[in-house]
PDB file of N, CA and C in Angstrom:
ATOM      1  N   MET A   1      12.393 -56.203  -7.894  1.00  0.00           N
ATOM      2  CA  MET A   1      13.372 -56.422  -7.222  1.00  0.00           C
ATOM      3  C   MET A   1      14.969 -57.231  -7.139  1.00  0.00           C
ATOM      4  N   TYR A   2      15.133 -57.014  -6.281  1.00  0.00           N
ATOM      5  CA  TYR A   2      17.271 -56.773  -6.215  1.00  0.00           C
ATOM      6  C   TYR A   2      17.655 -58.318  -6.733  1.00  0.00           C
ATOM      7  N   THR A   3      18.504 -58.744  -8.262  1.00  0.00           N
ATOM      8  CA  THR A   3      18.660 -60.449  -8.045  1.00  0.00           C
ATOM      9  C   THR A   3      20.628 -59.902  -8.556  1.00  0.00           C
ATOM     10  N   ALA A   4      21.140 -60.382  -7.731  1.00  0.00           N
ATOM     11  CA  ALA A   4      22.535 -60.394  -7.806  1.00  0.00           C
ATOM     12  C   ALA A   4      22.755 -60.661  -9.371  1.00  0.00           C
ATOM     13  N   HIS A   5      24.192 -59.883  -9.414  1.00  0.00           N
ATOM     14  CA  HIS A   5      24.508 -60.582 -10.486  1.00  0.00           C
ATOM     15  C   HIS A   5      24.973 -61.917 -10.786  1.00  0.00           C
ATOM     16  N   PRO A   6      24.815 -62.535 -11.949  1.00  0.00           N
ATOM     17  CA  PRO A   6      25.958 -64.674 -11.750  1.00  0.00           C
ATOM     18  C   PRO A   6      27.757 -63.729 -11.733  1.00  0.00           C
ATOM     19  N   PHE A   7      27.882 -63.045 -11.377  1.00  0.00           N
ATOM     20  CA  PHE A   7      28.904 -63.251 -11.822  1.00  0.00           C
ATOM     21  C   PHE A   7      29.600 -62.673  -9.734  1.00  0.00           C
ATOM     22  N   LYS A   8      28.515 -62.431  -9.362  1.00  0.00           N
ATOM     23  CA  LYS A   8      29.090 -62.110  -7.713  1.00  0.00           C
ATOM     24  C   LYS A   8      28.228 -63.342  -7.437  1.00  0.00           C
ATOM     25  N   MET A   9      27.251 -64.407  -7.996  1.00  0.00           N
ATOM     26  CA  MET A   9      27.190 -65.590  -6.944  1.00  0.00           C
ATOM     27  C   MET A   9      27.933 -66.192  -6.854  1.00  0.00           C
ATOM     28  N   ILE A  10      28.894 -66.445  -7.781  1.00  0.00           N
ATOM     29  CA  ILE A  10      30.379 -67.329  -7.851  1.00  0.00           C
ATOM     30  C   ILE A  10      30.873 -67.023  -6.703  1.00  0.00           C
ATOM     31  N   LYS A  11      31.471 -66.103  -6.289  1.00  0.00           N
ATOM     32  CA  LYS A  11      32.328 -65.125  -5.276  1.00  0.00           C
ATOM     33  C   LYS A  11      31.190 -65.456  -4.082  1.00  0.00           C
ATOM     34  N   TYR A  12      30.637 -65.021  -3.714  1.00  0.00           N
ATOM     35  CA  TYR A  12      29.556 -65.155  -2.714  1.00  0.00           C
ATOM     36  C   TYR A  12      29.700 -67.363  -2.269  1.00  0.00           C
ATOM     37  N   PHE A  13      29.219 -67.955  -3.247  1.00  0.00           N
ATOM     38  CA  PHE A  13      29.664 -68.854  -3.073  1.00  0.00           C
ATOM     39  C   PHE A  13      30.758 -69.761  -2.437  1.00  0.00           C
ATOM     40  N   ILE A  14      31.964 -69.175  -3.294  1.00  0.00           N
ATOM     41  CA  ILE A  14      32.868 -69.810  -2.634  1.00  0.00           C
ATOM     42  C   ILE A  14      33.007 -68.809  -1.127  1.00  0.00           C
ATOM     43  N   ILE A  15      32.802 -67.721  -0.551  1.00  0.00           N
ATOM     44  CA  ILE A  15      33.141 -66.943   0.433  1.00  0.00           C
ATOM     45  C   ILE A  15      31.821 -67.936   1.126  1.00  0.00           C
ATOM     46  N   PHE A  16      31.491 -68.555   1.241  1.00  0.00           N
ATOM     47  CA  PHE A  16      30.163 -69.725   1.540  1.00  0.00           C
ATOM     48  C   PHE A  16      30.727 -71.049   1.955  1.00  0.00           C
ATOM     49  N   LEU A  17      31.596 -70.894   1.155  1.00  0.00           N
ATOM     50  CA  LEU A  17      32.727 -72.822   1.471  1.00  0.00           C
ATOM     51  C   LEU A  17      33.722 -72.280   1.988  1.00  0.00           C
ATOM     52  N   ILE A  18      34.400 -71.630   2.514  1.00  0.00           N
ATOM     53  CA  ILE A  18      35.195 -71.259   2.789  1.00  0.00           C
ATOM     54  C   ILE A  18      34.864 -70.630   4.574  1.00  0.00           C
ATOM     55  N   VAL A  19      33.896 -69.628   4.686  1.00  0.00           N
ATOM     56  CA  VAL A  19      33.202 -69.873   5.823  1.00  0.00           C
ATOM     57  C   VAL A  19      33.146 -71.388   6.622  1.00  0.00           C
ATOM     58  N   ALA A  20      32.474 -72.159   5.146  1.00  0.00           N
ATOM     59  CA  ALA A  20      31.557 -73.519   6.502  1.00  0.00           C
ATOM     60  C   ALA A  20      32.977 -74.501   6.158  1.00  0.00           C
ATOM     61  N   MET A  21      33.981 -74.419   6.089  1.00  0.00           N
ATOM     62  CA  MET A  21      35.436 -75.183   5.639  1.00  0.00           C
ATOM     63  C   MET A  21      35.745 -74.844   7.220  1.00  0.00           C
ATOM     64  N   PHE A  22      36.149 -73.487   8.106  1.00  0.00           N
ATOM     65  CA  PHE A  22      36.122 -72.752   8.694  1.00  0.00           C
ATOM     66  C   PHE A  22      35.354 -73.720  10.517  1.00  0.00           C
ATOM     67  N   ILE A  23      34.168 -73.616   9.456  1.00  0.00           N
ATOM     68  CA  ILE A  23      33.051 -74.066  11.223  1.00  0.00           C
ATOM     69  C   ILE A  23      33.625 -76.022  10.768  1.00  0.00           C
ATOM     70  N   SER A  24      33.901 -76.008   9.588  1.00  0.00           N
ATOM     71  CA  SER A  24      34.132 -77.844  10.190  1.00  0.00           C
ATOM     72  C   SER A  24      35.046 -77.834  10.892  1.00  0.00           C
ATOM     73  N   LEU A  25      36.201 -77.124  10.295  1.00  0.00           N
ATOM     74  CA  LEU A  25      37.512 -77.436  11.450  1.00  0.00           C
ATOM     75  C   LEU A  25      37.225 -77.059  12.883  1.00  0.00           C
ATOM     76  N   PHE A  26      36.622 -75.723  13.091  1.00  0.00           N
ATOM     77  CA  PHE A  26      36.515 -75.908  14.680  1.00  0.00           C
ATOM     78  C   PHE A  26      36.074 -76.729  14.820  1.00  0.00           C
ATOM     79  N   ARG A  27      34.666 -76.823  14.617  1.00  0.00           N
ATOM     80  CA  ARG A  27      33.885 -78.047  14.812  1.00  0.00           C
ATOM     81  C   ARG A  27      34.474 -79.413  15.406  1.00  0.00           C
ATOM     82  N   GLY A  28      35.862 -80.347  14.098  1.00  0.00           N
ATOM     83  CA  GLY A  28      36.715 -80.846  14.894  1.00  0.00           C
ATOM     84  C   GLY A  28      37.824 -80.963  15.874  1.00  0.00           C
ATOM     85  N   ALA A  29      37.736 -79.751  15.937  1.00  0.00           N
ATOM     86  CA  ALA A  29      39.159 -79.489  16.573  1.00  0.00           C
ATOM     87  C   ALA A  29      38.380 -79.241  18.613  1.00  0.00           C
ATOM     88  N   PHE A  30      36.960 -78.875  18.460  1.00  0.00           N
ATOM     89  CA  PHE A  30      36.178 -79.262  19.338  1.00  0.00           C
ATOM     90  C   PHE A  30      35.618 -80.107  20.253  1.00  0.00           C
ATOM     91  N   PHE A  31      35.014 -81.172  18.805  1.00  0.00           N
ATOM     92  CA  PHE A  31      35.030 -83.019  19.243  1.00  0.00           C
ATOM     93  C   PHE A  31      36.419 -83.722  19.602  1.00  0.00           C
ATOM     94  N   LEU A  32      38.138 -83.119  18.727  1.00  0.00           N
ATOM     95  CA  LEU A  32      39.045 -83.856  19.088  1.00  0.00           C
ATOM     96  C   LEU A  32      39.363 -83.559  20.910  1.00  0.00           C
ATOM     97  N   ILE A  33      39.053 -81.994  21.310  1.00  0.00           N
ATOM     98  CA  ILE A  33      39.274 -81.854  22.773  1.00  0.00           C
ATOM     99  C   ILE A  33      38.400 -82.210  23.669  1.00  0.00           C
ATOM    100  N   LYS A  34      37.069 -82.246  23.148  1.00  0.00           N
ATOM    101  CA  LYS A  34      36.036 -82.719  24.266  1.00  0.00           C
ATOM    102  C   LYS A  34      36.579 -84.392  24.438  1.00  0.00           C
ATOM    103  N   ASP A  35      35.990 -85.397  23.111  1.00  0.00           N
ATOM    104  CA  ASP A  35      36.421 -86.570  23.469  1.00  0.00           C
ATOM    105  C   ASP A  35      37.552 -87.374  23.201  1.00  0.00           C
ATOM    106  N   GLY A  36      38.525 -86.862  23.280  1.00  0.00           N
ATOM    107  CA  GLY A  36      39.832 -87.072  23.082  1.00  0.00           C
ATOM    108  C   GLY A  36      40.100 -87.806  21.846  1.00  0.00           C
ATOM    109  N   GLY A  37      39.689 -87.437  20.602  1.00  0.00           N
ATOM    110  CA  GLY A  37      39.483 -88.268  19.586  1.00  0.00           C
ATOM    111  C   GLY A  37      39.279 -89.975  19.982  1.00  0.00           C
ATOM    112  N   SER A  38      38.165 -90.009  20.983  1.00  0.00           N
ATOM    113  CA  SER A  38      38.037 -91.454  20.530  1.00  0.00           C
ATOM    114  C   SER A  38      36.727 -91.760  20.116  1.00  0.00           C
ATOM    115  N   SER A  39      36.148 -90.901  19.302  1.00  0.00           N
ATOM    116  CA  SER A  39      33.986 -90.518  18.926  1.00  0.00           C
ATOM    117  C   SER A  39      34.798 -90.707  17.702  1.00  0.00           C
ATOM    118  N   LYS A  40      33.830 -91.202  16.416  1.00  0.00           N
ATOM    119  CA  LYS A  40      33.864 -90.572  14.988  1.00  0.00           C
ATOM    120  C   LYS A  40      33.762 -89.559  15.017  1.00  0.00           C
ATOM    121  N   ARG A  41      32.782 -88.439  15.496  1.00  0.00           N
ATOM    122  CA  ARG A  41      32.571 -87.353  15.685  1.00  0.00           C
ATOM    123  C   ARG A  41      33.822 -86.313  14.680  1.00  0.00           C
ATOM    124  N   THR A  42      35.028 -86.872  14.892  1.00  0.00           N
ATOM    125  CA  THR A  42      36.323 -86.032  14.401  1.00  0.00           C
ATOM    126  C   THR A  42      36.400 -86.176  13.257  1.00  0.00           C
ATOM    127  N   VAL A  43      36.613 -87.630  12.815  1.00  0.00           N
ATOM    128  CA  VAL A  43      37.037 -88.337  11.569  1.00  0.00           C
ATOM    129  C   VAL A  43      35.280 -87.461  10.578  1.00  0.00           C
ATOM    130  N   HIS A  44      34.276 -87.649  11.302  1.00  0.00           N
ATOM    131  CA  HIS A  44      32.820 -86.843  10.404  1.00  0.00           C
ATOM    132  C   HIS A  44      33.462 -85.956   9.993  1.00  0.00           C
ATOM    133  N   SER A  45      33.840 -84.937  10.942  1.00  0.00           N
ATOM    134  CA  SER A  45      33.902 -83.451  10.338  1.00  0.00           C
ATOM    135  C   SER A  45      35.260 -83.324   9.652  1.00  0.00           C
ATOM    136  N   LEU A  46      36.311 -84.068   9.657  1.00  0.00           N
ATOM    137  CA  LEU A  46      37.237 -84.059   8.653  1.00  0.00           C
ATOM    138  C   LEU A  46      36.562 -84.496   7.048  1.00  0.00           C
ATOM    139  N   GLY A  47      36.153 -85.260   7.371  1.00  0.00           N
ATOM    140  CA  GLY A  47      35.064 -86.197   5.868  1.00  0.00           C
ATOM    141  C   GLY A  47      34.154 -84.995   5.271  1.00  0.00           C
ATOM    142  N   VAL A  48      33.781 -83.878   6.185  1.00  0.00           N
ATOM    143  CA  VAL A  48      33.230 -82.808   5.933  1.00  0.00           C
ATOM    144  C   VAL A  48      33.445 -82.083   5.397  1.00  0.00           C
ATOM    145  N   ARG A  49      34.893 -81.805   6.009  1.00  0.00           N
ATOM    146  CA  ARG A  49      36.290 -80.307   5.357  1.00  0.00           C
ATOM    147  C   ARG A  49      36.538 -81.219   4.000  1.00  0.00           C
ATOM    148  N   VAL A  50      37.240 -81.684   3.824  1.00  0.00           N
ATOM    149  CA  VAL A  50      37.320 -82.539   2.473  1.00  0.00           C
ATOM    150  C   VAL A  50      36.628 -82.267   1.639  1.00  0.00           C
ATOM    151  N   SER A  51      35.421 -82.672   1.569  1.00  0.00           N
ATOM    152  CA  SER A  51      34.108 -82.873   1.204  1.00  0.00           C
ATOM    153  C   SER A  51      33.735 -81.112   0.002  1.00  0.00           C
ATOM    154  N   ILE A  52      34.077 -80.081   1.289  1.00  0.00           N
ATOM    155  CA  ILE A  52      33.433 -78.837   1.346  1.00  0.00           C
ATOM    156  C   ILE A  52      34.836 -78.741   0.230  1.00  0.00           C
ATOM    157  N   ALA A  53      36.462 -78.958   0.929  1.00  0.00           N
ATOM    158  CA  ALA A  53      37.173 -78.360  -0.213  1.00  0.00           C
ATOM    159  C   ALA A  53      37.054 -79.162  -1.720  1.00  0.00           C
ATOM    160  N   ILE A  54      36.712 -79.814  -1.867  1.00  0.00           N
ATOM    161  CA  ILE A  54      36.901 -80.522  -3.195  1.00  0.00           C
ATOM    162  C   ILE A  54      35.521 -79.910  -4.190  1.00  0.00           C
ATOM    163  N   VAL A  55      34.496 -79.686  -3.197  1.00  0.00           N
ATOM    164  CA  VAL A  55      33.930 -78.637  -4.282  1.00  0.00           C
ATOM    165  C   VAL A  55      34.074 -77.080  -4.705  1.00  0.00           C
ATOM    166  N   LEU A  56      34.898 -76.857  -3.434  1.00  0.00           N
ATOM    167  CA  LEU A  56      35.448 -75.384  -3.688  1.00  0.00           C
ATOM    168  C   LEU A  56      36.598 -75.366  -4.830  1.00  0.00           C
ATOM    169  N   PHE A  57      37.464 -76.419  -4.825  1.00  0.00           N
ATOM    170  CA  PHE A  57      38.111 -76.716  -5.910  1.00  0.00           C
ATOM    171  C   PHE A  57      37.642 -76.716  -7.112  1.00  0.00           C
ATOM    172  N   ILE A  58      36.253 -77.528  -7.420  1.00  0.00           N
ATOM    173  CA  ILE A  58      35.985 -77.455  -8.148  1.00  0.00           C
ATOM    174  C   ILE A  58      34.930 -76.056  -9.419  1.00  0.00           C
ATOM    175  N   THR A  59      34.768 -75.075  -7.819  1.00  0.00           N
ATOM    176  CA  THR A  59      34.371 -74.089  -8.560  1.00  0.00           C
ATOM    177  C   THR A  59      34.930 -72.961  -8.619  1.00  0.00           C
ATOM    178  N   LEU A  60      36.327 -72.905  -7.808  1.00  0.00           N
ATOM    179  CA  LEU A  60      37.179 -72.556  -8.319  1.00  0.00           C
ATOM    180  C   LEU A  60      37.562 -72.672 -10.301  1.00  0.00           C
ATOM    181  N   VAL A  61      37.923 -73.314 -10.266  1.00  0.00           N
ATOM    182  CA  VAL A  61      37.952 -74.295 -11.398  1.00  0.00           C
ATOM    183  C   VAL A  61      36.878 -73.670 -12.033  1.00  0.00           C
ATOM    184  N   TYR A  62      35.958 -73.897 -12.162  1.00  0.00           N
ATOM    185  CA  TYR A  62      34.828 -73.387 -12.484  1.00  0.00           C
ATOM    186  C   TYR A  62      35.182 -72.069 -13.232  1.00  0.00           C
ATOM    187  N   GLY A  63      35.373 -71.273 -12.114  1.00  0.00           N
ATOM    188  CA  GLY A  63      34.764 -69.655 -12.160  1.00  0.00           C
ATOM    189  C   GLY A  63      36.193 -69.032 -12.906  1.00  0.00           C
ATOM    190  N   PHE A  64      37.409 -69.463 -13.006  1.00  0.00           N
ATOM    191  CA  PHE A  64      39.004 -69.542 -13.834  1.00  0.00           C
ATOM    192  C   PHE A  64      38.410 -70.270 -15.413  1.00  0.00           C
ATOM    193  N   VAL A  65      37.793 -70.794 -15.818  1.00  0.00           N
ATOM    194  CA  VAL A  65      37.419 -71.787 -17.339  1.00  0.00           C
ATOM    195  C   VAL A  65      36.670 -70.575 -17.231  1.00  0.00           C
ATOM    196  N   THR A  66      35.657 -70.273 -16.836  1.00  0.00           N
ATOM    197  CA  THR A  66      34.543 -69.589 -17.648  1.00  0.00           C
ATOM    198  C   THR A  66      34.492 -67.689 -17.104  1.00  0.00           C
ATOM    199  N   GLY A  67      36.054 -67.563 -16.555  1.00  0.00           N
ATOM    200  CA  GLY A  67      35.634 -66.306 -16.602  1.00  0.00           C
ATOM    201  C   GLY A  67      34.999 -65.212 -16.044  1.00  0.00           C
ATOM    202  N   GLN A  68      34.678 -66.622 -14.543  1.00  0.00           N
ATOM    203  CA  GLN A  68      34.009 -65.094 -14.101  1.00  0.00           C
ATOM    204  C   GLN A  68      34.707 -64.885 -13.181  1.00  0.00           C
ATOM    205  N   ILE A  69      36.123 -65.703 -12.331  1.00  0.00           N
ATOM    206  CA  ILE A  69      37.149 -64.763 -11.455  1.00  0.00           C
ATOM    207  C   ILE A  69      38.350 -65.011 -11.769  1.00  0.00           C
ATOM    208  N   GLY A  70      39.290 -64.596 -11.399  1.00  0.00           N
ATOM    209  CA  GLY A  70      40.128 -64.290 -11.919  1.00  0.00           C
ATOM    210  C   GLY A  70      40.880 -62.875 -11.783  1.00  0.00           C
ATOM    211  N   PRO A  71      41.784 -62.423 -12.319  1.00  0.00           N
ATOM    212  CA  PRO A  71      42.744 -61.453 -12.524  1.00  0.00           C
ATOM    213  C   PRO A  71      41.851 -60.400 -12.684  1.00  0.00           C
ATOM    214  N   GLY A  72      41.857 -59.140 -12.102  1.00  0.00           N
ATOM    215  CA  GLY A  72      41.489 -57.837 -12.392  1.00  0.00           C
ATOM    216  C   GLY A  72      39.779 -58.269 -12.573  1.00  0.00           C
ATOM    217  N   VAL A  73      38.882 -59.268 -12.405  1.00  0.00           N
ATOM    218  CA  VAL A  73      37.656 -59.759 -12.529  1.00  0.00           C
ATOM    219  C   VAL A  73      36.759 -59.269 -11.235  1.00  0.00           C
TER     220      VAL A  73
END
């Protein structure tokens, strides 16, 4: 059975977080246009996006510190 190398797993996780941020961004834009900004769904989408950004930042810092990601890796 194939298991991915640990260094590649963090890269896949980073890509997953970036895709999740874009999905949250477009969901927020959709709710803003559909509801005219009168519902809390747009604010909730922003909160999700900020949370994903924090996790992404922490993951990037962890990857750089441990040497799993960086220039030439």
